[in-house]
């Protein structure tokens, strides 16, 4: 747990999804400790000015400067202590160990017991940083409705964690050529029939009995966009049809199309069309 004397001073907006928790910490100089038995932890610095840190992960320690883009990785069930000498701002991402093990087994086809993450101090990874910042953007919007999008980011994050920061570096088997037409049609029909539901990446991958990571890759090869982008496009198209029914409340249309609220529909509708649902209805 965090030091209780520090906790009261912390600004810590967070968002929790199925396999991951994302939290921003902003606090003055101080120290703290924590232990997460069932989660691997990535801590990414957001500080524009370098912060001097003492970090202890189990029996390993490091003292040095952390600036924007540098990160540390703490494996699950590893005691963690940190002391910082000035105002700090960082993003903490906690990924469930069971999920990482599933990715190791299903995507990398490896025994998870032989693919252990290692502690890292002041390391950089453009791929992991990019994914982390996308998750940070979702945190800032306080948007919990983009389940398929978060699933996709979490899967890519897990694969990169294992490929870059495991004790042994596994090779990723790649599949090319997209999905067979009958499988693609099966997926498109499923999405169309469940637009109002919280569609999970695991649901789609399970239909074809392949890993979530490889499903996303093959789906994008087939139609040129990610599963989330396609789902969003179809939800907006469904909303366009329903908006022609002038007596329907926009909030009801939003929920029927799988959006969490009127504002969620408006934001995504404008993102894809350049106008709001109300403007579309009037036009």
C-alpha atoms as a PDB file:
ATOM      1  CA  UNK A   1       0.000   0.000   0.000  1.00  0.00           C
ATOM      2  CA  UNK A   2       1.035   3.604  -0.457  1.00  0.00           C
ATOM      3  CA  UNK A   3       2.457   5.460   2.517  1.00  0.00           C
ATOM      4  CA  UNK A   4      -0.691   6.948   4.171  1.00  0.00           C
ATOM      5  CA  UNK A   5       1.080  10.270   4.783  1.00  0.00           C
ATOM      6  CA  UNK A   6       1.662  10.610   1.052  1.00  0.00           C
ATOM      7  CA  UNK A   7      -1.700   9.230  -0.088  1.00  0.00           C
ATOM      8  CA  UNK A   8      -3.662  12.288   1.018  1.00  0.00           C
ATOM      9  CA  UNK A   9      -1.533  14.530  -1.192  1.00  0.00           C
ATOM     10  CA  UNK A  10      -1.872  12.428  -4.322  1.00  0.00           C
ATOM     11  CA  UNK A  11      -4.026  13.344  -7.291  1.00  0.00           C
ATOM     12  CA  UNK A  12      -4.828   9.962  -8.810  1.00  0.00           C
ATOM     13  CA  UNK A  13      -7.572   9.693 -11.436  1.00  0.00           C
ATOM     14  CA  UNK A  14      -7.914   6.084 -12.552  1.00  0.00           C
ATOM     15  CA  UNK A  15      -9.827   3.778 -14.848  1.00  0.00           C
ATOM     16  CA  UNK A  16     -10.212   0.024 -14.441  1.00  0.00           C
ATOM     17  CA  UNK A  17     -11.033  -2.314 -17.307  1.00  0.00           C
ATOM     18  CA  UNK A  18     -11.234  -6.095 -17.440  1.00  0.00           C
ATOM     19  CA  UNK A  19      -7.514  -6.928 -17.448  1.00  0.00           C
ATOM     20  CA  UNK A  20      -5.863  -3.604 -16.761  1.00  0.00           C
ATOM     21  CA  UNK A  21      -5.926  -0.599 -14.436  1.00  0.00           C
ATOM     22  CA  UNK A  22      -4.570   2.788 -15.528  1.00  0.00           C
ATOM     23  CA  UNK A  23      -3.894   5.525 -12.991  1.00  0.00           C
ATOM     24  CA  UNK A  24      -2.157   8.897 -13.072  1.00  0.00           C
ATOM     25  CA  UNK A  25      -0.217  10.019  -9.993  1.00  0.00           C
ATOM     26  CA  UNK A  26       0.807  13.622  -9.322  1.00  0.00           C
ATOM     27  CA  UNK A  27       2.405  14.457  -6.001  1.00  0.00           C
ATOM     28  CA  UNK A  28       5.127  16.494  -4.252  1.00  0.00           C
ATOM     29  CA  UNK A  29       8.457  15.096  -3.054  1.00  0.00           C
ATOM     30  CA  UNK A  30       8.066  12.089  -0.782  1.00  0.00           C
ATOM     31  CA  UNK A  31       8.243   8.316  -0.648  1.00  0.00           C
ATOM     32  CA  UNK A  32       5.946   5.317  -0.825  1.00  0.00           C
ATOM     33  CA  UNK A  33       5.822   1.563  -1.103  1.00  0.00           C
ATOM     34  CA  UNK A  34       3.467  -0.998  -2.590  1.00  0.00           C
ATOM     35  CA  UNK A  35       3.024  -4.664  -3.442  1.00  0.00           C
ATOM     36  CA  UNK A  36       0.704  -6.029  -6.115  1.00  0.00           C
ATOM     37  CA  UNK A  37       0.510  -9.840  -5.798  1.00  0.00           C
ATOM     38  CA  UNK A  38      -1.426 -10.483  -9.017  1.00  0.00           C
ATOM     39  CA  UNK A  39      -0.486  -7.572 -11.290  1.00  0.00           C
ATOM     40  CA  UNK A  40       2.583  -6.560 -13.276  1.00  0.00           C
ATOM     41  CA  UNK A  41       3.236  -2.817 -13.052  1.00  0.00           C
ATOM     42  CA  UNK A  42       4.507  -0.341 -15.646  1.00  0.00           C
ATOM     43  CA  UNK A  43       5.325   3.146 -14.356  1.00  0.00           C
ATOM     44  CA  UNK A  44       5.792   5.709 -17.157  1.00  0.00           C
ATOM     45  CA  UNK A  45       7.138   9.175 -16.355  1.00  0.00           C
ATOM     46  CA  UNK A  46       5.031  12.092 -17.588  1.00  0.00           C
ATOM     47  CA  UNK A  47       7.260  14.724 -15.947  1.00  0.00           C
ATOM     48  CA  UNK A  48       8.593  17.356 -18.372  1.00  0.00           C
ATOM     49  CA  UNK A  49      11.432  18.012 -15.898  1.00  0.00           C
ATOM     50  CA  UNK A  50      13.586  15.061 -14.758  1.00  0.00           C
ATOM     51  CA  UNK A  51      12.886  13.753 -11.253  1.00  0.00           C
ATOM     52  CA  UNK A  52      15.569  12.035  -9.164  1.00  0.00           C
ATOM     53  CA  UNK A  53      14.302   8.696  -7.898  1.00  0.00           C
ATOM     54  CA  UNK A  54      15.510   5.975  -5.584  1.00  0.00           C
ATOM     55  CA  UNK A  55      13.722   2.764  -6.558  1.00  0.00           C
ATOM     56  CA  UNK A  56      13.901  -0.655  -4.938  1.00  0.00           C
ATOM     57  CA  UNK A  57      12.286  -3.703  -6.582  1.00  0.00           C
ATOM     58  CA  UNK A  58      12.777  -6.658  -4.263  1.00  0.00           C
ATOM     59  CA  UNK A  59      16.573  -7.099  -4.087  1.00  0.00           C
ATOM     60  CA  UNK A  60      17.299  -4.724  -7.005  1.00  0.00           C
ATOM     61  CA  UNK A  61      17.716  -0.967  -6.692  1.00  0.00           C
ATOM     62  CA  UNK A  62      18.409   2.083  -8.839  1.00  0.00           C
ATOM     63  CA  UNK A  63      19.043   5.773  -8.230  1.00  0.00           C
ATOM     64  CA  UNK A  64      18.882   8.253 -11.090  1.00  0.00           C
ATOM     65  CA  UNK A  65      16.873  10.729 -13.096  1.00  0.00           C
ATOM     66  CA  UNK A  66      13.561   9.904 -14.730  1.00  0.00           C
ATOM     67  CA  UNK A  67      12.276  12.183 -17.470  1.00  0.00           C
ATOM     68  CA  UNK A  68       9.286  12.007 -19.763  1.00  0.00           C
ATOM     69  CA  UNK A  69       9.110   8.692 -21.626  1.00  0.00           C
ATOM     70  CA  UNK A  70      11.255   6.666 -19.227  1.00  0.00           C
ATOM     71  CA  UNK A  71       9.603   3.772 -17.442  1.00  0.00           C
ATOM     72  CA  UNK A  72      10.138   1.084 -14.852  1.00  0.00           C
ATOM     73  CA  UNK A  73       8.660  -2.417 -14.867  1.00  0.00           C
ATOM     74  CA  UNK A  74       7.863  -4.261 -11.654  1.00  0.00           C
ATOM     75  CA  UNK A  75       6.841  -7.938 -11.921  1.00  0.00           C
ATOM     76  CA  UNK A  76       3.893  -9.135  -9.858  1.00  0.00           C
ATOM     77  CA  UNK A  77       4.452  -9.954  -6.182  1.00  0.00           C
ATOM     78  CA  UNK A  78       7.645  -7.855  -6.066  1.00  0.00           C
ATOM     79  CA  UNK A  79       7.890  -5.406  -3.124  1.00  0.00           C
ATOM     80  CA  UNK A  80       8.412  -1.886  -4.475  1.00  0.00           C
ATOM     81  CA  UNK A  81       9.753   1.224  -2.731  1.00  0.00           C
ATOM     82  CA  UNK A  82      10.379   4.667  -4.217  1.00  0.00           C
ATOM     83  CA  UNK A  83      11.630   8.024  -2.968  1.00  0.00           C
ATOM     84  CA  UNK A  84      11.481  11.117  -5.185  1.00  0.00           C
ATOM     85  CA  UNK A  85      13.060  14.513  -4.514  1.00  0.00           C
ATOM     86  CA  UNK A  86      10.639  16.814  -6.351  1.00  0.00           C
ATOM     87  CA  UNK A  87       7.140  17.034  -7.801  1.00  0.00           C
ATOM     88  CA  UNK A  88       6.422  13.868  -9.776  1.00  0.00           C
ATOM     89  CA  UNK A  89       3.883  13.003 -12.457  1.00  0.00           C
ATOM     90  CA  UNK A  90       3.639   9.489 -13.827  1.00  0.00           C
ATOM     91  CA  UNK A  91       1.263   6.950 -15.298  1.00  0.00           C
ATOM     92  CA  UNK A  92       0.890   3.588 -13.586  1.00  0.00           C
ATOM     93  CA  UNK A  93      -0.430   0.649 -15.616  1.00  0.00           C
ATOM     94  CA  UNK A  94      -1.242  -2.587 -13.805  1.00  0.00           C
ATOM     95  CA  UNK A  95      -1.833  -5.700 -15.916  1.00  0.00           C
ATOM     96  CA  UNK A  96      -3.285  -8.881 -14.435  1.00  0.00           C
ATOM     97  CA  UNK A  97      -0.855 -11.795 -14.302  1.00  0.00           C
ATOM     98  CA  UNK A  98      -3.521 -14.257 -15.473  1.00  0.00           C
ATOM     99  CA  UNK A  99      -4.029 -12.198 -18.617  1.00  0.00           C
ATOM    100  CA  UNK A 100      -0.279 -12.081 -19.334  1.00  0.00           C
ATOM    101  CA  UNK A 101      -0.118 -15.850 -18.867  1.00  0.00           C
ATOM    102  CA  UNK A 102      -3.002 -16.335 -21.294  1.00  0.00           C
ATOM    103  CA  UNK A 103      -1.281 -14.172 -23.905  1.00  0.00           C
ATOM    104  CA  UNK A 104       1.953 -16.126 -23.464  1.00  0.00           C
ATOM    105  CA  UNK A 105       0.092 -19.385 -23.968  1.00  0.00           C
ATOM    106  CA  UNK A 106      -2.341 -18.415 -26.733  1.00  0.00           C
ATOM    107  CA  UNK A 107      -0.475 -15.786 -28.754  1.00  0.00           C
ATOM    108  CA  UNK A 108       3.185 -16.682 -28.255  1.00  0.00           C
ATOM    109  CA  UNK A 109       2.498 -20.410 -27.785  1.00  0.00           C
ATOM    110  CA  UNK A 110       4.831 -20.537 -24.783  1.00  0.00           C
ATOM    111  CA  UNK A 111       4.606 -22.050 -21.321  1.00  0.00           C
ATOM    112  CA  UNK A 112       4.008 -18.955 -19.126  1.00  0.00           C
ATOM    113  CA  UNK A 113       6.109 -20.535 -16.363  1.00  0.00           C
ATOM    114  CA  UNK A 114       9.104 -20.252 -18.692  1.00  0.00           C
ATOM    115  CA  UNK A 115       8.362 -16.695 -19.745  1.00  0.00           C
ATOM    116  CA  UNK A 116       8.807 -14.510 -16.667  1.00  0.00           C
ATOM    117  CA  UNK A 117       8.963 -10.715 -16.714  1.00  0.00           C
ATOM    118  CA  UNK A 118      12.043  -9.125 -15.165  1.00  0.00           C
ATOM    119  CA  UNK A 119      12.452  -5.895 -13.182  1.00  0.00           C
ATOM    120  CA  UNK A 120      13.531  -2.925 -15.276  1.00  0.00           C
ATOM    121  CA  UNK A 121      14.666   0.551 -14.226  1.00  0.00           C
ATOM    122  CA  UNK A 122      14.749   3.685 -16.414  1.00  0.00           C
ATOM    123  CA  UNK A 123      14.062   1.812 -19.628  1.00  0.00           C
ATOM    124  CA  UNK A 124      12.428   3.032 -22.828  1.00  0.00           C
ATOM    125  CA  UNK A 125      10.131   1.365 -25.343  1.00  0.00           C
ATOM    126  CA  UNK A 126       8.516   3.469 -28.086  1.00  0.00           C
ATOM    127  CA  UNK A 127       5.888   0.765 -28.615  1.00  0.00           C
ATOM    128  CA  UNK A 128       4.867   0.483 -24.966  1.00  0.00           C
ATOM    129  CA  UNK A 129       4.981   4.258 -24.494  1.00  0.00           C
ATOM    130  CA  UNK A 130       2.666   4.764 -27.489  1.00  0.00           C
ATOM    131  CA  UNK A 131       0.149   2.249 -26.127  1.00  0.00           C
ATOM    132  CA  UNK A 132       0.399   3.776 -22.649  1.00  0.00           C
ATOM    133  CA  UNK A 133      -0.379   7.240 -24.008  1.00  0.00           C
ATOM    134  CA  UNK A 134      -3.445   5.897 -25.842  1.00  0.00           C
ATOM    135  CA  UNK A 135      -4.626   4.400 -22.554  1.00  0.00           C
ATOM    136  CA  UNK A 136      -3.862   7.723 -20.856  1.00  0.00           C
ATOM    137  CA  UNK A 137      -6.084   9.500 -23.397  1.00  0.00           C
ATOM    138  CA  UNK A 138      -8.937   7.125 -22.504  1.00  0.00           C
ATOM    139  CA  UNK A 139      -8.300   7.795 -18.814  1.00  0.00           C
ATOM    140  CA  UNK A 140      -8.496  11.549 -19.366  1.00  0.00           C
ATOM    141  CA  UNK A 141     -11.842  11.151 -21.132  1.00  0.00           C
ATOM    142  CA  UNK A 142     -13.065   8.950 -18.256  1.00  0.00           C
ATOM    143  CA  UNK A 143     -14.527   6.717 -20.946  1.00  0.00           C
ATOM    144  CA  UNK A 144     -15.246   3.134 -19.978  1.00  0.00           C
ATOM    145  CA  UNK A 145     -17.369   2.324 -23.037  1.00  0.00           C
ATOM    146  CA  UNK A 146     -14.623   1.579 -25.582  1.00  0.00           C
ATOM    147  CA  UNK A 147     -14.241  -2.038 -24.480  1.00  0.00           C
ATOM    148  CA  UNK A 148     -13.086  -3.450 -27.812  1.00  0.00           C
ATOM    149  CA  UNK A 149     -10.537  -0.643 -28.198  1.00  0.00           C
ATOM    150  CA  UNK A 150      -9.137  -1.217 -24.703  1.00  0.00           C
ATOM    151  CA  UNK A 151      -9.014  -4.981 -25.317  1.00  0.00           C
ATOM    152  CA  UNK A 152      -6.943  -4.391 -28.453  1.00  0.00           C
ATOM    153  CA  UNK A 153      -4.514  -2.033 -26.713  1.00  0.00           C
ATOM    154  CA  UNK A 154      -4.157  -4.382 -23.748  1.00  0.00           C
ATOM    155  CA  UNK A 155      -3.340  -7.330 -25.991  1.00  0.00           C
ATOM    156  CA  UNK A 156      -0.668  -5.446 -27.918  1.00  0.00           C
ATOM    157  CA  UNK A 157       0.746  -4.140 -24.632  1.00  0.00           C
ATOM    158  CA  UNK A 158       0.979  -7.675 -23.214  1.00  0.00           C
ATOM    159  CA  UNK A 159       2.706  -9.034 -26.323  1.00  0.00           C
ATOM    160  CA  UNK A 160       5.259  -6.206 -26.272  1.00  0.00           C
ATOM    161  CA  UNK A 161       5.883  -6.683 -22.548  1.00  0.00           C
ATOM    162  CA  UNK A 162       6.666 -10.358 -23.065  1.00  0.00           C
ATOM    163  CA  UNK A 163       8.735  -9.862 -26.205  1.00  0.00           C
ATOM    164  CA  UNK A 164      10.834  -7.024 -24.780  1.00  0.00           C
ATOM    165  CA  UNK A 165      10.958  -7.551 -21.021  1.00  0.00           C
ATOM    166  CA  UNK A 166      10.802 -11.290 -20.329  1.00  0.00           C
ATOM    167  CA  UNK A 167      13.866 -13.212 -19.169  1.00  0.00           C
ATOM    168  CA  UNK A 168      13.810 -15.050 -22.512  1.00  0.00           C
ATOM    169  CA  UNK A 169      12.717 -13.216 -25.660  1.00  0.00           C
ATOM    170  CA  UNK A 170      10.006 -15.189 -27.478  1.00  0.00           C
ATOM    171  CA  UNK A 171       9.441 -15.008 -31.226  1.00  0.00           C
ATOM    172  CA  UNK A 172       5.990 -14.059 -32.474  1.00  0.00           C
ATOM    173  CA  UNK A 173       4.425 -16.282 -35.114  1.00  0.00           C
ATOM    174  CA  UNK A 174       2.878 -14.110 -37.825  1.00  0.00           C
ATOM    175  CA  UNK A 175      -0.082 -14.933 -40.035  1.00  0.00           C
ATOM    176  CA  UNK A 176      -0.664 -13.240 -43.379  1.00  0.00           C
ATOM    177  CA  UNK A 177      -3.455 -13.067 -45.925  1.00  0.00           C
ATOM    178  CA  UNK A 178      -6.368 -12.006 -43.748  1.00  0.00           C
ATOM    179  CA  UNK A 179      -9.347 -14.085 -42.688  1.00  0.00           C
ATOM    180  CA  UNK A 180     -11.054 -16.560 -45.040  1.00  0.00           C
ATOM    181  CA  UNK A 181     -14.207 -14.980 -46.476  1.00  0.00           C
ATOM    182  CA  UNK A 182     -16.601 -17.257 -44.599  1.00  0.00           C
ATOM    183  CA  UNK A 183     -14.897 -16.459 -41.280  1.00  0.00           C
ATOM    184  CA  UNK A 184     -14.882 -12.738 -42.032  1.00  0.00           C
ATOM    185  CA  UNK A 185     -18.600 -12.840 -42.828  1.00  0.00           C
ATOM    186  CA  UNK A 186     -19.242 -14.722 -39.594  1.00  0.00           C
ATOM    187  CA  UNK A 187     -17.530 -11.934 -37.648  1.00  0.00           C
ATOM    188  CA  UNK A 188     -19.298  -9.125 -39.523  1.00  0.00           C
ATOM    189  CA  UNK A 189     -22.685 -10.774 -38.945  1.00  0.00           C
ATOM    190  CA  UNK A 190     -21.932 -11.176 -35.234  1.00  0.00           C
ATOM    191  CA  UNK A 191     -20.965  -7.513 -34.892  1.00  0.00           C
ATOM    192  CA  UNK A 192     -24.095  -6.386 -36.755  1.00  0.00           C
ATOM    193  CA  UNK A 193     -26.308  -8.479 -34.470  1.00  0.00           C
ATOM    194  CA  UNK A 194     -24.679  -7.202 -31.275  1.00  0.00           C
ATOM    195  CA  UNK A 195     -24.099  -3.484 -31.919  1.00  0.00           C
ATOM    196  CA  UNK A 196     -25.976  -2.594 -28.733  1.00  0.00           C
ATOM    197  CA  UNK A 197     -23.820  -4.912 -26.619  1.00  0.00           C
ATOM    198  CA  UNK A 198     -20.362  -4.500 -25.074  1.00  0.00           C
ATOM    199  CA  UNK A 199     -18.531  -6.610 -27.659  1.00  0.00           C
ATOM    200  CA  UNK A 200     -15.258  -8.035 -26.360  1.00  0.00           C
ATOM    201  CA  UNK A 201     -12.233  -8.863 -28.455  1.00  0.00           C
ATOM    202  CA  UNK A 202     -12.239 -12.256 -26.733  1.00  0.00           C
ATOM    203  CA  UNK A 203     -15.781 -12.903 -28.006  1.00  0.00           C
ATOM    204  CA  UNK A 204     -14.752 -12.318 -31.616  1.00  0.00           C
ATOM    205  CA  UNK A 205     -11.529 -14.318 -31.389  1.00  0.00           C
ATOM    206  CA  UNK A 206     -13.354 -17.185 -29.685  1.00  0.00           C
ATOM    207  CA  UNK A 207     -15.728 -17.503 -32.653  1.00  0.00           C
ATOM    208  CA  UNK A 208     -12.737 -18.460 -34.808  1.00  0.00           C
ATOM    209  CA  UNK A 209     -10.743 -20.233 -32.083  1.00  0.00           C
ATOM    210  CA  UNK A 210      -7.641 -18.048 -32.480  1.00  0.00           C
ATOM    211  CA  UNK A 211      -5.805 -15.668 -30.159  1.00  0.00           C
ATOM    212  CA  UNK A 212      -7.077 -12.124 -29.727  1.00  0.00           C
ATOM    213  CA  UNK A 213      -3.800 -10.674 -30.990  1.00  0.00           C
ATOM    214  CA  UNK A 214      -3.785 -12.725 -34.193  1.00  0.00           C
ATOM    215  CA  UNK A 215      -7.499 -12.119 -34.750  1.00  0.00           C
ATOM    216  CA  UNK A 216      -6.959  -8.347 -34.661  1.00  0.00           C
ATOM    217  CA  UNK A 217      -4.042  -8.630 -37.084  1.00  0.00           C
ATOM    218  CA  UNK A 218      -5.937 -10.809 -39.582  1.00  0.00           C
ATOM    219  CA  UNK A 219      -9.136  -8.752 -39.344  1.00  0.00           C
ATOM    220  CA  UNK A 220      -7.258  -5.565 -40.198  1.00  0.00           C
ATOM    221  CA  UNK A 221      -5.581  -7.305 -43.136  1.00  0.00           C
ATOM    222  CA  UNK A 222      -9.027  -8.314 -44.394  1.00  0.00           C
ATOM    223  CA  UNK A 223     -10.857  -4.974 -44.330  1.00  0.00           C
ATOM    224  CA  UNK A 224      -8.179  -2.340 -43.738  1.00  0.00           C
ATOM    225  CA  UNK A 225      -9.273  -1.255 -40.271  1.00  0.00           C
ATOM    226  CA  UNK A 226      -9.116  -2.586 -36.730  1.00  0.00           C
ATOM    227  CA  UNK A 227     -12.063  -4.420 -35.139  1.00  0.00           C
ATOM    228  CA  UNK A 228     -12.740  -1.366 -32.968  1.00  0.00           C
ATOM    229  CA  UNK A 229     -12.689   1.034 -35.926  1.00  0.00           C
ATOM    230  CA  UNK A 230     -15.119  -1.190 -37.815  1.00  0.00           C
ATOM    231  CA  UNK A 231     -17.422  -1.524 -34.802  1.00  0.00           C
ATOM    232  CA  UNK A 232     -17.459   2.249 -34.317  1.00  0.00           C
ATOM    233  CA  UNK A 233     -18.189   2.807 -38.010  1.00  0.00           C
ATOM    234  CA  UNK A 234     -21.113   0.378 -37.916  1.00  0.00           C
ATOM    235  CA  UNK A 235     -22.536   1.936 -34.761  1.00  0.00           C
ATOM    236  CA  UNK A 236     -22.471   5.373 -36.347  1.00  0.00           C
ATOM    237  CA  UNK A 237     -24.108   4.022 -39.513  1.00  0.00           C
ATOM    238  CA  UNK A 238     -26.860   2.434 -37.401  1.00  0.00           C
ATOM    239  CA  UNK A 239     -27.317   5.745 -35.576  1.00  0.00           C
ATOM    240  CA  UNK A 240     -27.728   7.546 -38.908  1.00  0.00           C
ATOM    241  CA  UNK A 241     -30.605   5.253 -39.820  1.00  0.00           C
ATOM    242  CA  UNK A 242     -32.331   5.693 -36.462  1.00  0.00           C
ATOM    243  CA  UNK A 243     -31.884   9.473 -36.498  1.00  0.00           C
ATOM    244  CA  UNK A 244     -34.230   9.586 -39.486  1.00  0.00           C
ATOM    245  CA  UNK A 245     -36.996   8.595 -37.076  1.00  0.00           C
ATOM    246  CA  UNK A 246     -37.718  12.104 -35.818  1.00  0.00           C
ATOM    247  CA  UNK A 247     -39.678  10.954 -32.769  1.00  0.00           C
ATOM    248  CA  UNK A 248     -36.765   8.982 -31.312  1.00  0.00           C
ATOM    249  CA  UNK A 249     -34.770  10.556 -28.470  1.00  0.00           C
ATOM    250  CA  UNK A 250     -31.075  10.786 -29.276  1.00  0.00           C
ATOM    251  CA  UNK A 251     -30.161   9.292 -25.895  1.00  0.00           C
ATOM    252  CA  UNK A 252     -32.253   6.206 -26.715  1.00  0.00           C
ATOM    253  CA  UNK A 253     -30.590   5.926 -30.111  1.00  0.00           C
ATOM    254  CA  UNK A 254     -27.187   6.169 -28.434  1.00  0.00           C
ATOM    255  CA  UNK A 255     -27.928   3.253 -26.110  1.00  0.00           C
ATOM    256  CA  UNK A 256     -29.459   1.152 -28.888  1.00  0.00           C
ATOM    257  CA  UNK A 257     -26.286   1.594 -30.948  1.00  0.00           C
ATOM    258  CA  UNK A 258     -23.928   0.617 -28.137  1.00  0.00           C
ATOM    259  CA  UNK A 259     -22.857   4.060 -26.935  1.00  0.00           C
ATOM    260  CA  UNK A 260     -22.849   4.778 -23.217  1.00  0.00           C
ATOM    261  CA  UNK A 261     -24.592   8.158 -23.391  1.00  0.00           C
ATOM    262  CA  UNK A 262     -25.826  10.974 -25.618  1.00  0.00           C
ATOM    263  CA  UNK A 263     -22.461  12.731 -25.261  1.00  0.00           C
ATOM    264  CA  UNK A 264     -20.535   9.557 -26.133  1.00  0.00           C
ATOM    265  CA  UNK A 265     -22.541   9.191 -29.348  1.00  0.00           C
ATOM    266  CA  UNK A 266     -22.112  12.888 -30.165  1.00  0.00           C
ATOM    267  CA  UNK A 267     -18.351  12.754 -29.691  1.00  0.00           C
ATOM    268  CA  UNK A 268     -17.850   9.672 -31.861  1.00  0.00           C
ATOM    269  CA  UNK A 269     -20.435  10.773 -34.446  1.00  0.00           C
ATOM    270  CA  UNK A 270     -18.636  14.088 -34.903  1.00  0.00           C
ATOM    271  CA  UNK A 271     -15.301  12.263 -35.039  1.00  0.00           C
ATOM    272  CA  UNK A 272     -16.454  10.206 -38.030  1.00  0.00           C
ATOM    273  CA  UNK A 273     -18.793  12.618 -39.829  1.00  0.00           C
ATOM    274  CA  UNK A 274     -17.701  16.110 -38.807  1.00  0.00           C
ATOM    275  CA  UNK A 275     -21.151  17.004 -37.448  1.00  0.00           C
ATOM    276  CA  UNK A 276     -23.261  16.161 -34.391  1.00  0.00           C
ATOM    277  CA  UNK A 277     -26.239  13.759 -34.432  1.00  0.00           C
ATOM    278  CA  UNK A 278     -28.578  16.733 -33.981  1.00  0.00           C
ATOM    279  CA  UNK A 279     -27.062  18.526 -36.973  1.00  0.00           C
ATOM    280  CA  UNK A 280     -27.324  15.341 -39.027  1.00  0.00           C
ATOM    281  CA  UNK A 281     -31.002  14.959 -38.119  1.00  0.00           C
ATOM    282  CA  UNK A 282     -31.820  18.572 -39.020  1.00  0.00           C
ATOM    283  CA  UNK A 283     -29.851  18.370 -42.261  1.00  0.00           C
END
